[in-house]
């Protein structure tokens, strides 16, 4: 698994809401300025689905990112898997510096591990910025 982290300087509740509410997911779930997430739905229940549309702003390419939830511990942990079986785990931990958000994920076989780490890190950084902007 590849593991990445960020620390969000906001409350646990705001950080959680930034991560799970569809209206927030569309604000941060993309890796670069030329991409966006125009829509998202999220059924945050075991067996429920996260569906986030990710596409290039020019419309040239896009895909639906679909995750199926395996475990949810509110304000602590989210575990889900993609349709191809790859697993993802996200944890939220209160620290003296803020909320430590840790994402661990199974890499896919198309892109290099470094490219995947970079892309997921860019998305997590967008998330941190958005979560910190919430009041």
N, C-alpha and C. Protein backbone atom coordinates (compact mmCIF):
# COMPACT_ATOMS: atom_id res chain seq x y z
N UNK A 1 0.84 -1.19 0.00
CA UNK A 1 0.00 0.00 0.00
C UNK A 1 0.88 1.25 0.00
N UNK A 2 0.34 2.29 -0.58
CA UNK A 2 0.99 3.61 -0.55
C UNK A 2 0.27 4.42 0.53
N UNK A 3 1.02 5.12 1.36
CA UNK A 3 0.44 5.92 2.44
C UNK A 3 0.87 7.38 2.29
N UNK A 4 -0.12 8.28 2.40
CA UNK A 4 0.13 9.72 2.37
C UNK A 4 -0.61 10.34 3.54
N UNK A 5 -0.16 11.53 3.96
CA UNK A 5 -0.77 12.20 5.11
C UNK A 5 -0.80 13.70 4.92
N UNK A 6 -1.72 14.33 5.65
CA UNK A 6 -1.74 15.78 5.77
C UNK A 6 -2.34 16.12 7.12
N UNK A 7 -2.04 17.32 7.62
CA UNK A 7 -2.64 17.79 8.87
C UNK A 7 -3.52 18.99 8.56
N UNK A 8 -4.79 18.88 8.96
CA UNK A 8 -5.77 19.93 8.71
C UNK A 8 -5.94 20.76 9.98
N UNK A 9 -5.80 22.05 9.85
CA UNK A 9 -5.98 22.95 10.99
C UNK A 9 -7.45 23.41 11.01
N UNK A 10 -8.30 22.52 11.52
CA UNK A 10 -9.72 22.79 11.69
C UNK A 10 -10.24 21.74 12.66
N UNK A 11 -11.50 21.84 13.02
CA UNK A 11 -12.08 20.87 13.95
C UNK A 11 -12.23 19.51 13.27
N UNK A 12 -12.36 18.49 14.09
CA UNK A 12 -12.58 17.14 13.57
C UNK A 12 -13.88 17.10 12.77
N UNK A 13 -14.94 17.73 13.26
CA UNK A 13 -16.23 17.71 12.56
C UNK A 13 -16.12 18.38 11.18
N UNK A 14 -15.49 19.54 11.11
CA UNK A 14 -15.35 20.24 9.82
C UNK A 14 -14.48 19.44 8.87
N UNK A 15 -13.42 18.82 9.39
CA UNK A 15 -12.53 18.02 8.55
C UNK A 15 -13.28 16.81 7.99
N UNK A 16 -14.04 16.15 8.85
CA UNK A 16 -14.85 15.00 8.42
C UNK A 16 -15.86 15.44 7.35
N UNK A 17 -16.59 16.53 7.62
CA UNK A 17 -17.58 17.03 6.66
C UNK A 17 -16.94 17.37 5.32
N UNK A 18 -15.76 17.96 5.36
CA UNK A 18 -15.06 18.30 4.12
C UNK A 18 -14.75 17.05 3.31
N UNK A 19 -14.50 15.95 4.00
CA UNK A 19 -14.12 14.71 3.32
C UNK A 19 -15.32 13.94 2.79
N UNK A 20 -16.46 13.99 3.46
CA UNK A 20 -17.56 13.08 3.11
C UNK A 20 -18.77 13.72 2.45
N UNK A 21 -18.99 15.02 2.60
CA UNK A 21 -20.19 15.63 2.03
C UNK A 21 -19.98 15.93 0.54
N UNK A 22 -20.91 15.50 -0.31
CA UNK A 22 -20.74 15.68 -1.76
C UNK A 22 -20.45 17.12 -2.18
N UNK A 23 -21.09 18.08 -1.54
CA UNK A 23 -20.87 19.48 -1.92
C UNK A 23 -19.44 19.94 -1.60
N UNK A 24 -18.79 19.25 -0.69
CA UNK A 24 -17.38 19.53 -0.40
C UNK A 24 -16.45 18.71 -1.31
N UNK A 25 -16.79 17.46 -1.55
CA UNK A 25 -15.95 16.59 -2.39
C UNK A 25 -15.70 17.24 -3.75
N UNK A 26 -16.72 17.88 -4.32
CA UNK A 26 -16.56 18.51 -5.63
C UNK A 26 -15.60 19.70 -5.59
N UNK A 27 -15.31 20.20 -4.41
CA UNK A 27 -14.41 21.36 -4.28
C UNK A 27 -12.93 20.98 -4.24
N UNK A 28 -12.61 19.71 -3.98
CA UNK A 28 -11.21 19.33 -3.81
C UNK A 28 -10.76 18.06 -4.52
N UNK A 29 -11.67 17.26 -5.05
CA UNK A 29 -11.32 15.93 -5.55
C UNK A 29 -10.79 15.94 -6.99
N UNK A 30 -9.61 16.53 -7.17
CA UNK A 30 -8.92 16.55 -8.46
C UNK A 30 -7.45 16.86 -8.20
N UNK A 31 -6.59 16.40 -9.11
CA UNK A 31 -5.15 16.48 -8.86
C UNK A 31 -4.51 17.75 -9.42
N UNK A 32 -5.08 18.35 -10.45
CA UNK A 32 -4.45 19.51 -11.05
C UNK A 32 -5.45 20.58 -11.43
N UNK A 33 -4.96 21.74 -11.75
CA UNK A 33 -5.82 22.88 -12.10
C UNK A 33 -6.63 22.64 -13.37
N UNK A 34 -6.18 21.73 -14.23
CA UNK A 34 -6.89 21.46 -15.48
C UNK A 34 -7.96 20.38 -15.33
N UNK A 35 -8.14 19.88 -14.11
CA UNK A 35 -9.17 18.90 -13.82
C UNK A 35 -10.17 19.46 -12.82
N UNK A 36 -11.34 18.85 -12.75
CA UNK A 36 -12.33 19.20 -11.73
C UNK A 36 -13.20 17.99 -11.43
N UNK A 37 -14.04 18.15 -10.41
CA UNK A 37 -14.97 17.11 -9.99
C UNK A 37 -16.36 17.75 -10.04
N UNK A 38 -17.01 17.71 -11.21
CA UNK A 38 -18.27 18.42 -11.37
C UNK A 38 -19.45 17.87 -10.55
N UNK A 39 -19.39 16.58 -10.18
CA UNK A 39 -20.49 16.05 -9.36
C UNK A 39 -20.00 14.89 -8.51
N UNK A 40 -20.68 14.71 -7.38
CA UNK A 40 -20.35 13.61 -6.48
C UNK A 40 -21.60 13.22 -5.71
N UNK A 41 -21.72 11.93 -5.44
CA UNK A 41 -22.75 11.43 -4.54
C UNK A 41 -22.04 10.55 -3.52
N UNK A 42 -22.61 10.46 -2.33
CA UNK A 42 -21.94 9.67 -1.30
C UNK A 42 -22.97 9.07 -0.34
N UNK A 43 -23.10 7.75 -0.38
CA UNK A 43 -23.94 7.00 0.54
C UNK A 43 -22.99 6.40 1.58
N UNK A 44 -22.75 7.16 2.65
CA UNK A 44 -21.74 6.81 3.65
C UNK A 44 -22.28 5.75 4.61
N UNK A 45 -22.53 4.55 4.07
CA UNK A 45 -22.97 3.40 4.85
C UNK A 45 -22.19 2.19 4.35
N UNK A 46 -22.02 1.18 5.21
CA UNK A 46 -21.34 -0.04 4.76
C UNK A 46 -22.15 -0.62 3.60
N UNK A 47 -21.47 -0.86 2.48
CA UNK A 47 -22.13 -1.33 1.27
C UNK A 47 -22.58 -0.19 0.37
N UNK A 48 -22.61 1.03 0.90
CA UNK A 48 -22.96 2.21 0.11
C UNK A 48 -21.83 2.60 -0.82
N UNK A 49 -22.14 3.56 -1.72
CA UNK A 49 -21.15 3.95 -2.71
C UNK A 49 -20.81 5.43 -2.65
N UNK A 50 -19.53 5.69 -2.92
CA UNK A 50 -19.05 7.03 -3.25
C UNK A 50 -18.92 7.03 -4.77
N UNK A 51 -19.49 8.02 -5.43
CA UNK A 51 -19.34 8.17 -6.87
C UNK A 51 -18.93 9.61 -7.13
N UNK A 52 -17.70 9.80 -7.58
CA UNK A 52 -17.19 11.13 -7.88
C UNK A 52 -16.78 11.19 -9.34
N UNK A 53 -17.34 12.12 -10.06
CA UNK A 53 -16.99 12.32 -11.48
C UNK A 53 -15.75 13.19 -11.55
N UNK A 54 -14.70 12.67 -12.15
CA UNK A 54 -13.46 13.42 -12.32
C UNK A 54 -13.24 13.59 -13.82
N UNK A 55 -13.01 14.84 -14.24
CA UNK A 55 -12.79 15.04 -15.67
C UNK A 55 -11.94 16.28 -15.94
N UNK A 56 -11.32 16.26 -17.12
CA UNK A 56 -10.56 17.42 -17.56
C UNK A 56 -11.54 18.56 -17.80
N UNK A 57 -11.15 19.77 -17.44
CA UNK A 57 -12.04 20.92 -17.61
C UNK A 57 -12.41 21.15 -19.07
N UNK A 58 -11.53 20.75 -20.00
CA UNK A 58 -11.83 20.91 -21.42
C UNK A 58 -12.72 19.79 -21.97
N UNK A 59 -13.11 18.84 -21.11
CA UNK A 59 -14.01 17.77 -21.51
C UNK A 59 -13.37 16.66 -22.32
N UNK A 60 -12.05 16.70 -22.49
CA UNK A 60 -11.38 15.72 -23.34
C UNK A 60 -11.33 14.32 -22.74
N UNK A 61 -11.36 14.21 -21.42
CA UNK A 61 -11.27 12.91 -20.78
C UNK A 61 -11.93 12.99 -19.41
N UNK A 62 -12.48 11.88 -18.93
CA UNK A 62 -13.10 11.87 -17.61
C UNK A 62 -13.49 10.45 -17.23
N UNK A 63 -13.76 10.27 -15.95
CA UNK A 63 -14.17 8.95 -15.48
C UNK A 63 -14.92 9.11 -14.16
N UNK A 64 -15.70 8.09 -13.83
CA UNK A 64 -16.39 8.04 -12.54
C UNK A 64 -15.55 7.20 -11.59
N UNK A 65 -15.18 7.80 -10.49
CA UNK A 65 -14.46 7.08 -9.43
C UNK A 65 -15.52 6.52 -8.50
N UNK A 66 -15.58 5.19 -8.42
CA UNK A 66 -16.62 4.55 -7.61
C UNK A 66 -15.96 3.72 -6.51
N UNK A 67 -16.34 4.02 -5.27
CA UNK A 67 -15.85 3.26 -4.12
C UNK A 67 -17.02 2.66 -3.38
N UNK A 68 -16.85 1.45 -2.87
CA UNK A 68 -17.88 0.76 -2.10
C UNK A 68 -17.37 0.64 -0.66
N UNK A 69 -18.15 1.15 0.29
CA UNK A 69 -17.71 1.21 1.68
C UNK A 69 -17.71 -0.15 2.37
N UNK A 70 -16.60 -0.43 3.07
CA UNK A 70 -16.43 -1.67 3.83
C UNK A 70 -16.56 -1.43 5.33
N UNK A 71 -16.10 -0.27 5.80
CA UNK A 71 -16.13 0.03 7.23
C UNK A 71 -16.18 1.55 7.41
N UNK A 72 -17.02 1.99 8.34
CA UNK A 72 -17.11 3.41 8.66
C UNK A 72 -17.19 3.56 10.17
N UNK A 73 -16.24 4.27 10.72
CA UNK A 73 -16.28 4.67 12.13
C UNK A 73 -16.29 6.19 12.10
N UNK A 74 -17.47 6.82 12.31
CA UNK A 74 -17.57 8.27 12.17
C UNK A 74 -16.46 9.02 12.91
N UNK A 75 -15.88 9.98 12.21
CA UNK A 75 -14.82 10.86 12.71
C UNK A 75 -13.51 10.14 12.99
N UNK A 76 -13.40 8.85 12.61
CA UNK A 76 -12.17 8.09 12.86
C UNK A 76 -11.61 7.38 11.63
N UNK A 77 -12.47 6.61 10.95
CA UNK A 77 -11.96 5.75 9.89
C UNK A 77 -13.01 5.50 8.81
N UNK A 78 -12.51 5.47 7.57
CA UNK A 78 -13.32 5.08 6.42
C UNK A 78 -12.50 4.06 5.64
N UNK A 79 -13.08 2.89 5.37
CA UNK A 79 -12.42 1.89 4.53
C UNK A 79 -13.37 1.56 3.39
N UNK A 80 -12.82 1.54 2.18
CA UNK A 80 -13.63 1.21 1.01
C UNK A 80 -12.76 0.54 -0.03
N UNK A 81 -13.39 0.07 -1.10
CA UNK A 81 -12.64 -0.54 -2.20
C UNK A 81 -13.22 -0.06 -3.52
N UNK A 82 -12.36 -0.06 -4.52
CA UNK A 82 -12.79 0.26 -5.87
C UNK A 82 -13.38 -0.99 -6.50
N UNK A 83 -14.04 -0.82 -7.64
CA UNK A 83 -14.67 -1.95 -8.33
C UNK A 83 -13.65 -3.00 -8.75
N UNK A 84 -12.37 -2.59 -8.94
CA UNK A 84 -11.34 -3.56 -9.33
C UNK A 84 -10.73 -4.28 -8.12
N UNK A 85 -11.25 -3.99 -6.91
CA UNK A 85 -10.81 -4.69 -5.71
C UNK A 85 -9.75 -3.97 -4.89
N UNK A 86 -9.15 -2.90 -5.44
CA UNK A 86 -8.13 -2.17 -4.68
C UNK A 86 -8.76 -1.55 -3.44
N UNK A 87 -8.04 -1.63 -2.32
CA UNK A 87 -8.55 -1.14 -1.03
C UNK A 87 -7.95 0.21 -0.68
N UNK A 88 -8.76 1.02 0.01
CA UNK A 88 -8.37 2.34 0.48
C UNK A 88 -8.80 2.48 1.93
N UNK A 89 -7.94 3.04 2.77
CA UNK A 89 -8.30 3.32 4.15
C UNK A 89 -7.90 4.75 4.48
N UNK A 90 -8.83 5.46 5.11
CA UNK A 90 -8.58 6.85 5.53
C UNK A 90 -8.85 6.94 7.02
N UNK A 91 -7.90 7.51 7.76
CA UNK A 91 -8.10 7.71 9.19
C UNK A 91 -7.98 9.19 9.53
N UNK A 92 -8.68 9.57 10.59
CA UNK A 92 -8.71 10.94 11.09
C UNK A 92 -8.31 10.88 12.56
N UNK A 93 -7.24 11.61 12.92
CA UNK A 93 -6.71 11.54 14.28
C UNK A 93 -6.42 12.94 14.79
N UNK A 94 -7.00 13.25 15.96
CA UNK A 94 -6.72 14.54 16.60
C UNK A 94 -5.29 14.57 17.11
N UNK A 95 -4.56 15.63 16.78
CA UNK A 95 -3.21 15.82 17.29
C UNK A 95 -3.10 17.26 17.82
N UNK A 96 -1.98 17.59 18.42
CA UNK A 96 -1.76 18.95 18.89
C UNK A 96 -1.71 19.95 17.75
N UNK A 97 -1.35 19.49 16.55
CA UNK A 97 -1.22 20.37 15.38
C UNK A 97 -2.50 20.47 14.56
N UNK A 98 -3.49 19.64 14.83
CA UNK A 98 -4.71 19.63 14.04
C UNK A 98 -5.18 18.20 13.84
N UNK A 99 -5.90 17.98 12.76
CA UNK A 99 -6.42 16.64 12.45
C UNK A 99 -5.49 15.99 11.43
N UNK A 100 -4.85 14.90 11.85
CA UNK A 100 -3.98 14.15 10.96
C UNK A 100 -4.84 13.22 10.12
N UNK A 101 -4.82 13.43 8.81
CA UNK A 101 -5.58 12.60 7.88
C UNK A 101 -4.57 11.72 7.14
N UNK A 102 -4.75 10.41 7.28
CA UNK A 102 -3.84 9.44 6.66
C UNK A 102 -4.63 8.61 5.66
N UNK A 103 -4.13 8.54 4.44
CA UNK A 103 -4.75 7.73 3.39
C UNK A 103 -3.76 6.65 2.98
N UNK A 104 -4.21 5.41 2.99
CA UNK A 104 -3.42 4.29 2.48
C UNK A 104 -4.22 3.62 1.39
N UNK A 105 -3.56 3.32 0.27
CA UNK A 105 -4.30 2.75 -0.86
C UNK A 105 -3.44 1.76 -1.63
N UNK A 106 -4.12 0.77 -2.19
CA UNK A 106 -3.46 -0.18 -3.08
C UNK A 106 -3.21 0.53 -4.41
N UNK A 107 -1.97 0.47 -4.92
CA UNK A 107 -1.70 1.10 -6.21
C UNK A 107 -2.32 0.29 -7.35
N UNK A 108 -2.59 0.99 -8.45
CA UNK A 108 -3.04 0.27 -9.65
C UNK A 108 -1.81 -0.08 -10.48
N UNK A 109 -1.99 -0.83 -11.56
CA UNK A 109 -0.86 -1.37 -12.33
C UNK A 109 -0.49 -0.55 -13.56
N UNK A 110 -1.20 0.54 -13.83
CA UNK A 110 -0.96 1.30 -15.06
C UNK A 110 0.14 2.35 -14.87
N UNK A 111 -0.01 3.17 -13.85
CA UNK A 111 0.94 4.26 -13.61
C UNK A 111 1.96 3.88 -12.56
N UNK A 112 3.12 4.54 -12.58
CA UNK A 112 4.17 4.25 -11.61
C UNK A 112 3.68 4.58 -10.20
N UNK A 113 4.29 3.91 -9.23
CA UNK A 113 3.94 4.18 -7.84
C UNK A 113 4.18 5.64 -7.50
N UNK A 114 5.28 6.20 -7.99
CA UNK A 114 5.60 7.61 -7.71
C UNK A 114 4.55 8.54 -8.32
N UNK A 115 4.08 8.25 -9.53
CA UNK A 115 3.05 9.07 -10.17
C UNK A 115 1.75 9.00 -9.36
N UNK A 116 1.41 7.80 -8.88
CA UNK A 116 0.20 7.65 -8.08
C UNK A 116 0.33 8.40 -6.75
N UNK A 117 1.48 8.28 -6.10
CA UNK A 117 1.71 8.99 -4.84
C UNK A 117 1.58 10.51 -5.06
N UNK A 118 2.15 11.00 -6.14
CA UNK A 118 2.09 12.43 -6.45
C UNK A 118 0.65 12.87 -6.70
N UNK A 119 -0.08 12.13 -7.51
CA UNK A 119 -1.46 12.49 -7.82
C UNK A 119 -2.36 12.49 -6.59
N UNK A 120 -2.27 11.42 -5.80
CA UNK A 120 -3.09 11.32 -4.60
C UNK A 120 -2.68 12.41 -3.59
N UNK A 121 -1.39 12.72 -3.53
CA UNK A 121 -0.92 13.77 -2.62
C UNK A 121 -1.47 15.14 -3.03
N UNK A 122 -1.53 15.39 -4.34
CA UNK A 122 -2.09 16.66 -4.82
C UNK A 122 -3.57 16.77 -4.45
N UNK A 123 -4.30 15.67 -4.58
CA UNK A 123 -5.71 15.66 -4.20
C UNK A 123 -5.85 15.90 -2.69
N UNK A 124 -5.02 15.24 -1.90
CA UNK A 124 -5.07 15.40 -0.45
C UNK A 124 -4.72 16.83 -0.04
N UNK A 125 -3.79 17.46 -0.76
CA UNK A 125 -3.45 18.86 -0.49
C UNK A 125 -4.63 19.77 -0.83
N UNK A 126 -5.32 19.51 -1.94
CA UNK A 126 -6.54 20.27 -2.26
C UNK A 126 -7.57 20.10 -1.14
N UNK A 127 -7.70 18.87 -0.64
CA UNK A 127 -8.62 18.60 0.46
C UNK A 127 -8.24 19.44 1.69
N UNK A 128 -6.96 19.43 2.06
CA UNK A 128 -6.51 20.19 3.23
C UNK A 128 -6.87 21.67 3.09
N UNK A 129 -6.56 22.24 1.94
CA UNK A 129 -6.86 23.67 1.70
C UNK A 129 -8.35 23.94 1.84
N UNK A 130 -9.16 23.06 1.25
CA UNK A 130 -10.62 23.25 1.32
C UNK A 130 -11.10 23.11 2.76
N UNK A 131 -10.65 22.06 3.44
CA UNK A 131 -11.09 21.83 4.84
C UNK A 131 -10.70 23.00 5.74
N UNK A 132 -9.53 23.57 5.51
CA UNK A 132 -9.10 24.69 6.34
C UNK A 132 -9.85 25.97 6.02
N UNK A 133 -10.46 26.05 4.85
CA UNK A 133 -11.22 27.25 4.47
C UNK A 133 -12.65 27.22 5.03
N UNK A 134 -13.07 26.08 5.56
CA UNK A 134 -14.43 25.94 6.10
C UNK A 134 -14.51 26.54 7.51
N UNK A 135 -15.52 27.36 7.70
CA UNK A 135 -15.68 28.00 9.02
C UNK A 135 -16.96 27.57 9.71
